[in-house]
Amino acid sequence: MKILLFGHRGMLGSVLFLQLERRYEVIGLDKDEIDIASAVDCSRAINCYAPDIIINAAAYTNVDACEKNKTDCFNVNAEALKNIAQSSREKNIYIIHFSTDYVFDGENKKPYREDHPCNPINTYGASKLAGERYLQDLSTNYLLIRTSWLYGINGKNFVRTIIEKARTTDKLEVVDDQIGSPTSAKDLTSAVEILIRTQAKGTFHITNRGTCSWYQFAKKILQEAGITGVEVSSIKSDKLMRPAKRPAYSVLSIQKFIDATGKIMQPWQLALQEYLRNIKH
């Protein structure tokens, strides 16, 4: 089975590539090799490689930058999905795409299910929702995966940022009024492998189990990394004055994944420990 993977050098894409190539023929293309916002480029690549599966791990993920660069944000996160889906329709190619907890407004008090109404409160979330709708409108052979608070070996992420900052300062301020589920790219990829084997279709939420605030996450990162002598203070989101508003509660229910596969994602604390061991080695 041949997989065409867009964004194979990114934080998620690099993990997908390494794990999936053990079982499948994986062809990776990144932004220096293809412009997925170009309908011509997408069509040419899909016709050239004739994949059985297309996985789109490419995304514009800088949430604050999305507020300033809306056109680029929507081109990568939405228009690209239209191009991929349209170029795949004739051959009915199986498409796997990743979306975000930020398609929700954060007003809920319990984990969001896949069928909960979406209401993004920032440009990033709006662009990802637009991409979801293109995929849903133009394809019937797709797997749409929403995840949250993702971190991996490559690329910028919260875990790496906290560790790097702790090396240069003895005081950190982290928000405590945003609640979510930290998710390891490695665990997400393992879950995707299971869904590929069963040819699952539709929308699934996949995260590690459990919830925390960014403040609690930061404290746990330092503890597990063995970093001492750093004072971590909790603050409210409005103190940061970021361009993009964040949902206060963006926990995703993973019950549908559990019911469909019989598999249970490991707690985020254990996933973090495993990640820190890997980067240490």
Protein backbone atom coordinates (compact mmCIF):
# COMPACT_ATOMS: atom_id res chain seq x y z
CA MET A 1 0.00 0.00 0.00
CA LYS A 2 1.38 3.38 -1.02
CA ILE A 3 0.99 6.50 1.14
CA LEU A 4 1.59 10.07 -0.03
CA LEU A 5 2.41 12.15 3.05
CA PHE A 6 2.25 15.94 2.87
CA GLY A 7 4.26 17.79 5.51
CA HIS A 8 6.58 14.85 6.24
CA ARG A 9 9.26 16.99 7.91
CA GLY A 10 6.93 18.69 10.38
CA MET A 11 6.39 17.82 14.02
CA LEU A 12 3.63 15.29 13.33
CA GLY A 13 4.64 14.40 9.78
CA SER A 14 8.15 13.32 10.74
CA VAL A 15 6.79 10.87 13.31
CA LEU A 16 4.18 9.58 10.88
CA PHE A 17 6.86 9.03 8.25
CA LEU A 18 9.18 7.08 10.56
CA GLN A 19 6.47 4.84 11.98
CA LEU A 20 4.46 4.21 8.81
CA GLU A 21 7.41 3.41 6.56
CA ARG A 22 7.95 0.23 8.57
CA ARG A 23 4.71 -1.16 7.16
CA TYR A 24 3.93 0.85 4.02
CA GLU A 25 5.60 2.52 1.07
CA VAL A 26 5.62 6.17 2.15
CA ILE A 27 6.40 9.09 -0.15
CA GLY A 28 6.97 12.35 1.70
CA LEU A 29 6.56 15.82 0.24
CA ASP A 30 7.13 19.05 2.15
CA LYS A 31 6.69 22.77 1.46
CA ASP A 32 9.96 23.05 -0.47
CA GLU A 33 8.75 20.31 -2.82
CA ILE A 34 5.05 21.10 -3.23
CA ASP A 35 2.67 24.00 -2.69
CA ILE A 36 -0.46 22.29 -1.44
CA ALA A 37 -2.32 25.59 -1.79
CA SER A 38 -1.86 25.15 -5.54
CA ALA A 39 -4.50 23.02 -7.23
CA VAL A 40 -2.08 22.30 -10.08
CA ASP A 41 0.67 21.11 -7.73
CA CYS A 42 -1.71 18.84 -5.82
CA SER A 43 -3.17 17.32 -8.95
CA ARG A 44 0.26 16.75 -10.47
CA ALA A 45 1.64 15.04 -7.33
CA ILE A 46 -1.39 12.81 -6.84
CA ASN A 47 -1.44 11.76 -10.49
CA CYS A 48 2.31 11.17 -10.48
CA TYR A 49 2.52 9.00 -7.36
CA ALA A 50 -0.94 7.38 -7.57
CA PRO A 51 -1.20 6.72 -3.82
CA ASP A 52 -3.70 4.46 -2.10
CA ILE A 53 -3.76 6.86 0.87
CA ILE A 54 -3.05 10.57 1.19
CA ILE A 55 -2.12 11.85 4.64
CA ASN A 56 -2.11 15.61 5.11
CA ALA A 57 0.07 16.54 8.08
CA ALA A 58 0.89 19.98 6.69
CA ALA A 59 -0.59 22.95 8.51
CA TYR A 60 -0.11 26.60 9.41
CA THR A 61 -0.03 26.16 13.19
CA ASN A 62 1.30 29.48 14.56
CA VAL A 63 -1.96 30.53 16.19
CA ASP A 64 -1.02 34.17 16.81
CA ALA A 65 0.60 34.61 13.39
CA CYS A 66 -2.64 33.40 11.79
CA GLU A 67 -4.33 36.60 12.99
CA LYS A 68 -1.85 38.67 10.98
CA ASN A 69 -1.43 36.36 7.99
CA LYS A 70 -5.01 35.27 7.35
CA THR A 71 -4.56 34.63 3.65
CA ASP A 72 -1.58 32.32 4.14
CA CYS A 73 -3.34 30.63 7.04
CA PHE A 74 -6.49 29.85 5.02
CA ASN A 75 -4.46 28.83 1.96
CA VAL A 76 -2.59 26.13 3.90
CA ASN A 77 -5.30 25.05 6.33
CA ALA A 78 -8.35 25.26 4.06
CA GLU A 79 -7.67 25.76 0.34
CA ALA A 80 -5.16 22.93 0.38
CA LEU A 81 -7.87 20.55 1.57
CA LYS A 82 -10.08 21.59 -1.30
CA ASN A 83 -7.24 20.90 -3.72
CA ILE A 84 -6.38 17.53 -2.19
CA ALA A 85 -9.99 16.38 -2.05
CA GLN A 86 -10.81 17.51 -5.60
CA SER A 87 -7.70 15.85 -7.02
CA SER A 88 -8.56 12.61 -5.21
CA ARG A 89 -12.27 12.36 -6.08
CA GLU A 90 -12.02 10.55 -9.40
CA LYS A 91 -9.88 7.74 -7.95
CA ASN A 92 -11.67 7.78 -4.59
CA ILE A 93 -8.36 7.95 -2.70
CA TYR A 94 -8.53 7.52 1.07
CA ILE A 95 -7.62 10.88 2.72
CA ILE A 96 -6.42 11.29 6.29
CA HIS A 97 -6.36 14.84 7.64
CA PHE A 98 -5.62 16.37 11.04
CA SER A 99 -7.60 19.14 12.67
CA THR A 100 -7.71 20.77 16.07
CA ASP A 101 -9.56 21.32 19.34
CA TYR A 102 -9.57 25.01 18.39
CA VAL A 103 -12.60 24.47 16.14
CA PHE A 104 -14.59 24.69 19.40
CA ASP A 105 -15.26 27.85 21.41
CA GLY A 106 -14.27 26.49 24.82
CA GLU A 107 -17.63 27.24 26.44
CA ASN A 108 -18.43 23.59 27.08
CA LYS A 109 -18.07 22.06 30.55
CA LYS A 110 -17.50 18.48 29.44
CA PRO A 111 -15.36 16.88 26.71
CA TYR A 112 -16.36 17.76 23.15
CA ARG A 113 -17.72 14.90 21.09
CA GLU A 114 -17.19 14.66 17.34
CA ASP A 115 -20.73 15.84 16.57
CA HIS A 116 -20.66 18.89 18.85
CA PRO A 117 -21.32 22.16 16.95
CA CYS A 118 -18.11 23.97 16.02
CA ASN A 119 -17.64 27.65 16.81
CA PRO A 120 -13.98 28.75 16.51
CA ILE A 121 -12.93 31.95 18.27
CA ASN A 122 -9.71 32.64 16.37
CA THR A 123 -8.47 32.62 12.78
CA TYR A 124 -6.51 29.41 13.16
CA GLY A 125 -9.61 27.54 14.34
CA ALA A 126 -11.72 29.08 11.59
CA SER A 127 -9.21 28.05 8.93
CA LYS A 128 -9.05 24.48 10.21
CA LEU A 129 -12.84 24.28 10.29
CA ALA A 130 -13.00 25.54 6.71
CA GLY A 131 -10.57 22.78 5.74
CA GLU A 132 -12.73 20.20 7.50
CA ARG A 133 -15.78 21.34 5.55
CA TYR A 134 -14.00 21.18 2.21
CA LEU A 135 -12.98 17.61 3.00
CA GLN A 136 -16.46 16.61 4.14
CA ASP A 137 -18.13 18.23 1.12
CA LEU A 138 -15.77 16.89 -1.53
CA SER A 139 -14.94 13.39 -0.28
CA THR A 140 -16.74 10.43 1.21
CA ASN A 141 -13.56 8.40 1.69
CA TYR A 142 -11.80 10.27 4.47
CA LEU A 143 -10.60 10.09 8.05
CA LEU A 144 -10.67 13.42 9.89
CA ILE A 145 -8.76 13.42 13.17
CA ARG A 146 -8.99 16.22 15.69
CA THR A 147 -6.28 16.38 18.32
CA SER A 148 -4.97 18.86 20.89
CA TRP A 149 -1.87 20.29 22.57
CA LEU A 150 0.41 18.26 20.32
CA TYR A 151 4.13 17.84 20.90
CA GLY A 152 6.81 15.73 19.23
CA ILE A 153 10.52 15.19 18.75
CA ASN A 154 10.83 17.73 15.91
CA GLY A 155 9.65 21.30 15.68
CA LYS A 156 8.58 23.90 18.17
CA ASN A 157 6.23 22.76 20.93
CA PHE A 158 5.26 23.60 24.50
CA VAL A 159 7.38 20.90 26.15
CA ARG A 160 10.55 21.98 24.38
CA THR A 161 9.78 25.66 25.00
CA ILE A 162 9.36 25.18 28.76
CA ILE A 163 12.61 23.22 29.03
CA GLU A 164 14.54 25.77 26.99
CA LYS A 165 13.18 28.71 29.00
CA ALA A 166 13.98 26.95 32.28
CA ARG A 167 17.65 26.87 31.24
CA THR A 168 17.83 30.66 30.99
CA THR A 169 15.54 31.89 33.77
CA ASP A 170 14.54 30.95 37.29
CA LYS A 171 10.96 32.26 36.94
CA LEU A 172 8.22 31.23 34.55
CA GLU A 173 4.65 32.48 34.18
CA VAL A 174 2.13 30.08 32.62
CA VAL A 175 -1.62 30.42 32.14
CA ASP A 176 -3.89 28.33 34.34
CA ASP A 177 -7.26 29.19 32.76
CA GLN A 178 -6.97 27.03 29.62
CA ILE A 179 -7.74 23.32 30.05
CA GLY A 180 -6.91 20.61 27.53
CA SER A 181 -5.25 17.25 26.90
CA PRO A 182 -1.54 17.18 26.02
CA THR A 183 -0.92 14.70 23.21
CA SER A 184 2.23 12.92 22.08
CA ALA A 185 2.73 12.80 18.31
CA LYS A 186 4.06 9.26 18.75
CA ASP A 187 0.87 8.09 20.48
CA LEU A 188 -1.29 9.89 17.94
CA THR A 189 0.55 8.15 15.11
CA SER A 190 0.07 4.74 16.75
CA ALA A 191 -3.66 5.44 16.95
CA VAL A 192 -3.70 6.48 13.29
CA GLU A 193 -2.03 3.19 12.34
CA ILE A 194 -4.86 1.29 13.99
CA LEU A 195 -7.48 3.32 12.13
CA ILE A 196 -5.68 2.83 8.82
CA ARG A 197 -5.71 -0.95 9.28
CA THR A 198 -9.47 -0.88 9.81
CA GLN A 199 -10.03 1.71 7.04
CA ALA A 200 -11.99 3.84 9.52
CA LYS A 201 -13.92 6.75 8.07
CA GLY A 202 -15.49 9.91 9.41
CA THR A 203 -14.36 12.12 12.29
CA PHE A 204 -12.45 10.94 15.35
CA HIS A 205 -11.03 12.75 18.36
CA ILE A 206 -7.66 11.41 19.49
CA THR A 207 -5.64 12.69 22.44
CA ASN A 208 -3.81 11.22 25.37
CA ARG A 209 -6.03 10.57 28.37
CA GLY A 210 -6.53 13.09 31.14
CA THR A 211 -6.65 16.87 31.35
CA CYS A 212 -4.65 19.73 32.81
CA SER A 213 -4.00 23.44 32.47
CA TRP A 214 -0.92 24.78 30.71
CA TYR A 215 0.35 25.73 34.18
CA GLN A 216 -0.05 22.16 35.46
CA PHE A 217 1.54 20.83 32.28
CA ALA A 218 4.55 23.12 32.71
CA LYS A 219 5.03 22.06 36.33
CA LYS A 220 4.91 18.39 35.31
CA ILE A 221 7.41 18.95 32.49
CA LEU A 222 9.98 20.44 34.85
CA GLN A 223 9.38 17.73 37.44
CA GLU A 224 9.79 14.88 34.95
CA ALA A 225 12.80 16.55 33.32
CA GLY A 226 14.47 16.84 36.72
CA ILE A 227 14.77 20.61 36.46
CA THR A 228 14.81 22.35 39.84
CA GLY A 229 15.26 25.90 41.04
CA VAL A 230 12.67 27.36 38.67
CA GLU A 231 9.61 29.08 40.13
CA VAL A 232 6.47 28.59 38.04
CA SER A 233 3.66 31.10 38.65
CA SER A 234 0.10 30.82 37.36
CA ILE A 235 -1.39 33.74 35.45
CA LYS A 236 -4.57 34.45 33.47
CA SER A 237 -4.66 34.46 29.70
CA ASP A 238 -5.57 38.13 29.36
CA LYS A 239 -2.25 39.10 30.97
CA LEU A 240 -0.37 37.80 27.91
CA MET A 241 -2.35 40.02 25.51
CA ARG A 242 -1.88 37.61 22.62
CA PRO A 243 -3.37 38.44 19.20
CA ALA A 244 -5.43 35.22 19.13
CA LYS A 245 -7.98 34.27 21.75
CA ARG A 246 -7.78 30.69 23.04
CA PRO A 247 -10.65 28.45 24.15
CA ALA A 248 -10.80 28.10 27.93
CA TYR A 249 -11.82 24.43 27.77
CA SER A 250 -10.94 22.33 24.73
CA VAL A 251 -10.93 18.77 26.05
CA LEU A 252 -11.91 16.25 23.37
CA SER A 253 -13.86 13.08 24.11
CA ILE A 254 -11.98 10.03 22.79
CA GLN A 255 -14.80 7.58 23.52
CA LYS A 256 -15.61 7.05 19.83
CA PHE A 257 -12.02 5.93 19.17
CA ILE A 258 -12.13 3.56 22.15
CA ASP A 259 -15.45 2.08 21.02
CA ALA A 260 -14.25 1.65 17.43
CA THR A 261 -10.86 0.11 18.19
CA GLY A 262 -11.01 -1.31 21.70
CA LYS A 263 -7.80 0.62 22.39
CA ILE A 264 -7.29 3.11 25.23
CA MET A 265 -4.83 5.99 24.89
CA GLN A 266 -2.25 6.19 27.67
CA PRO A 267 -2.46 9.05 30.22
CA TRP A 268 -0.71 12.26 29.19
CA GLN A 269 1.65 11.98 32.17
CA LEU A 270 3.04 8.64 30.94
CA ALA A 271 3.28 9.92 27.37
CA LEU A 272 5.29 12.90 28.63
CA GLN A 273 7.69 10.62 30.53
CA GLU A 274 8.27 8.54 27.41
CA TYR A 275 8.84 11.66 25.29
CA LEU A 276 11.40 13.08 27.74
CA ARG A 277 13.28 9.77 27.79
CA ASN A 278 13.42 9.79 24.00
CA ILE A 279 14.74 13.33 23.66
CA LYS A 280 17.27 12.68 26.39
CA HIS A 281 18.64 9.73 24.44
